[in-house]
Structure formats: C-alpha cells, structure tokens
Amino acid sequence: MEDLKVFIQNELSELVFKTVSFDEKLISTKTLDSISLIDLIVAIEDHLDISIPTSDVIESNFDSIDLISEYINNLRTK
C-alpha cells in the first residue's frame, strides 16, 4: 500500500509541479483539475493493470492520496 501511495505522489508531483502529502486535499482545493485527474487515473490504471469505473471518479474517492489508495485497495479486493 505504501508503494502505491509513493507512486501516486510521484505522478502528482509531475502533474501539479509540487510535492503533495498523503493527506493533502486534491480536488476540493483545486490542486487537481479535471484534466490532471484523468491523467492521474490513466497512470494508475496503466501501472496496476486495472480499470477504474467512471462512476467511481468522485471527490470522496480521489480527494487525497490516502483516499485514492484506500479506494484502489477496495477495488482490487472486489
């Protein structure tokens, strides 16, 4: 799980040009816009060889690295 968080953190640093902490809000603070969110999701899907349903791309699942990691772990155990 920590590896996933670090991967997401590294991807985010390339997308938003700053280091983001694991609990930092991403969508509600507008750190991520819609385009960078899609870029992040594609990177995660490619890295993990998974598919994230569009209906799951909501703030409560993607507003921090911690939330993204928790969502991905739940998705993989379904």
C-alpha atoms as a PDB file:
ATOM      1  CA  MET A   1       0.000   0.000   0.000  1.00  0.00           C
ATOM      2  CA  GLU A   2       2.830   2.387   0.789  1.00  0.00           C
ATOM      3  CA  ASP A   3       4.340   1.694  -2.642  1.00  0.00           C
ATOM      4  CA  LEU A   4       1.059   2.708  -4.257  1.00  0.00           C
ATOM      5  CA  LYS A   5       0.979   5.931  -2.258  1.00  0.00           C
ATOM      6  CA  VAL A   6       4.530   6.780  -3.294  1.00  0.00           C
ATOM      7  CA  PHE A   7       3.701   6.008  -6.939  1.00  0.00           C
ATOM      8  CA  ILE A   8       0.669   8.330  -6.779  1.00  0.00           C
ATOM      9  CA  GLN A   9       2.723  11.003  -5.011  1.00  0.00           C
ATOM     10  CA  ASN A  10       5.373  10.845  -7.746  1.00  0.00           C
ATOM     11  CA  GLU A  11       2.759  11.043 -10.502  1.00  0.00           C
ATOM     12  CA  LEU A  12       1.119  14.001  -8.800  1.00  0.00           C
ATOM     13  CA  SER A  13       4.403  15.860  -8.477  1.00  0.00           C
ATOM     14  CA  GLU A  14       4.768  15.626 -12.260  1.00  0.00           C
ATOM     15  CA  LEU A  15       1.181  16.741 -12.848  1.00  0.00           C
ATOM     16  CA  VAL A  16       0.949  19.635 -10.389  1.00  0.00           C
ATOM     17  CA  PHE A  17       4.635  20.574 -10.117  1.00  0.00           C
ATOM     18  CA  LYS A  18       4.832  20.231  -6.332  1.00  0.00           C
ATOM     19  CA  THR A  19       5.156  17.559  -3.692  1.00  0.00           C
ATOM     20  CA  VAL A  20       1.817  16.537  -2.243  1.00  0.00           C
ATOM     21  CA  SER A  21       1.474  14.925   1.182  1.00  0.00           C
ATOM     22  CA  PHE A  22      -0.580  11.749   1.540  1.00  0.00           C
ATOM     23  CA  ASP A  23      -3.443  13.537   3.335  1.00  0.00           C
ATOM     24  CA  GLU A  24      -3.430  16.775   1.330  1.00  0.00           C
ATOM     25  CA  LYS A  25      -6.754  17.577  -0.330  1.00  0.00           C
ATOM     26  CA  LEU A  26      -6.505  17.457  -4.118  1.00  0.00           C
ATOM     27  CA  ILE A  27      -9.894  18.135  -5.662  1.00  0.00           C
ATOM     28  CA  SER A  28     -11.554  20.319  -3.027  1.00  0.00           C
ATOM     29  CA  THR A  29      -8.520  22.644  -3.034  1.00  0.00           C
ATOM     30  CA  LYS A  30      -8.341  22.576  -6.841  1.00  0.00           C
ATOM     31  CA  THR A  31      -4.806  21.166  -6.753  1.00  0.00           C
ATOM     32  CA  LEU A  32      -6.095  18.730  -9.376  1.00  0.00           C
ATOM     33  CA  ASP A  33      -8.296  19.901 -12.215  1.00  0.00           C
ATOM     34  CA  SER A  34     -10.369  17.580 -14.378  1.00  0.00           C
ATOM     35  CA  ILE A  35      -7.608  17.023 -16.950  1.00  0.00           C
ATOM     36  CA  SER A  36      -4.885  16.259 -14.398  1.00  0.00           C
ATOM     37  CA  LEU A  37      -7.281  13.952 -12.522  1.00  0.00           C
ATOM     38  CA  ILE A  38      -7.866  11.952 -15.707  1.00  0.00           C
ATOM     39  CA  ASP A  39      -4.100  11.850 -16.347  1.00  0.00           C
ATOM     40  CA  LEU A  40      -3.577  10.508 -12.823  1.00  0.00           C
ATOM     41  CA  ILE A  41      -6.281   7.877 -13.232  1.00  0.00           C
ATOM     42  CA  VAL A  42      -4.810   6.675 -16.537  1.00  0.00           C
ATOM     43  CA  ALA A  43      -1.358   6.415 -14.924  1.00  0.00           C
ATOM     44  CA  ILE A  44      -2.789   4.382 -12.034  1.00  0.00           C
ATOM     45  CA  GLU A  45      -4.729   2.109 -14.381  1.00  0.00           C
ATOM     46  CA  ASP A  46      -1.646   1.502 -16.525  1.00  0.00           C
ATOM     47  CA  HIS A  47       0.617   0.945 -13.519  1.00  0.00           C
ATOM     48  CA  LEU A  48      -1.713  -1.527 -11.802  1.00  0.00           C
ATOM     49  CA  ASP A  49      -3.343  -3.007 -14.910  1.00  0.00           C
ATOM     50  CA  ILE A  50      -6.820  -2.218 -13.583  1.00  0.00           C
ATOM     51  CA  SER A  51      -9.847  -0.322 -14.841  1.00  0.00           C
ATOM     52  CA  ILE A  52     -11.454   2.389 -12.723  1.00  0.00           C
ATOM     53  CA  PRO A  53     -15.163   2.843 -13.467  1.00  0.00           C
ATOM     54  CA  THR A  54     -16.067   6.396 -14.437  1.00  0.00           C
ATOM     55  CA  SER A  55     -18.873   6.337 -11.888  1.00  0.00           C
ATOM     56  CA  ASP A  56     -16.267   5.885  -9.128  1.00  0.00           C
ATOM     57  CA  VAL A  57     -14.345   9.036 -10.070  1.00  0.00           C
ATOM     58  CA  ILE A  58     -15.790  11.209  -7.321  1.00  0.00           C
ATOM     59  CA  GLU A  59     -14.285  13.517  -4.755  1.00  0.00           C
ATOM     60  CA  SER A  60     -14.773  11.094  -1.868  1.00  0.00           C
ATOM     61  CA  ASN A  61     -12.560   8.538  -3.668  1.00  0.00           C
ATOM     62  CA  PHE A  62      -9.937  10.876  -5.148  1.00  0.00           C
ATOM     63  CA  ASP A  63      -9.516  13.889  -2.842  1.00  0.00           C
ATOM     64  CA  SER A  64      -6.212  12.729  -1.320  1.00  0.00           C
ATOM     65  CA  ILE A  65      -3.535  10.122  -1.852  1.00  0.00           C
ATOM     66  CA  ASP A  66      -4.811   8.300   1.236  1.00  0.00           C
ATOM     67  CA  LEU A  67      -8.351   8.183  -0.182  1.00  0.00           C
ATOM     68  CA  ILE A  68      -7.139   7.073  -3.612  1.00  0.00           C
ATOM     69  CA  SER A  69      -5.071   4.298  -2.070  1.00  0.00           C
ATOM     70  CA  GLU A  70      -7.979   3.135   0.077  1.00  0.00           C
ATOM     71  CA  TYR A  71     -10.312   3.186  -2.927  1.00  0.00           C
ATOM     72  CA  ILE A  72      -7.845   1.219  -5.101  1.00  0.00           C
ATOM     73  CA  ASN A  73      -7.321  -1.392  -2.396  1.00  0.00           C
ATOM     74  CA  ASN A  74     -11.091  -1.813  -2.040  1.00  0.00           C
ATOM     75  CA  LEU A  75     -11.481  -2.037  -5.823  1.00  0.00           C
ATOM     76  CA  ARG A  76      -8.825  -4.752  -6.068  1.00  0.00           C
ATOM     77  CA  THR A  77     -10.477  -6.880  -3.366  1.00  0.00           C
ATOM     78  CA  LYS A  78     -13.897  -6.919  -5.085  1.00  0.00           C
END
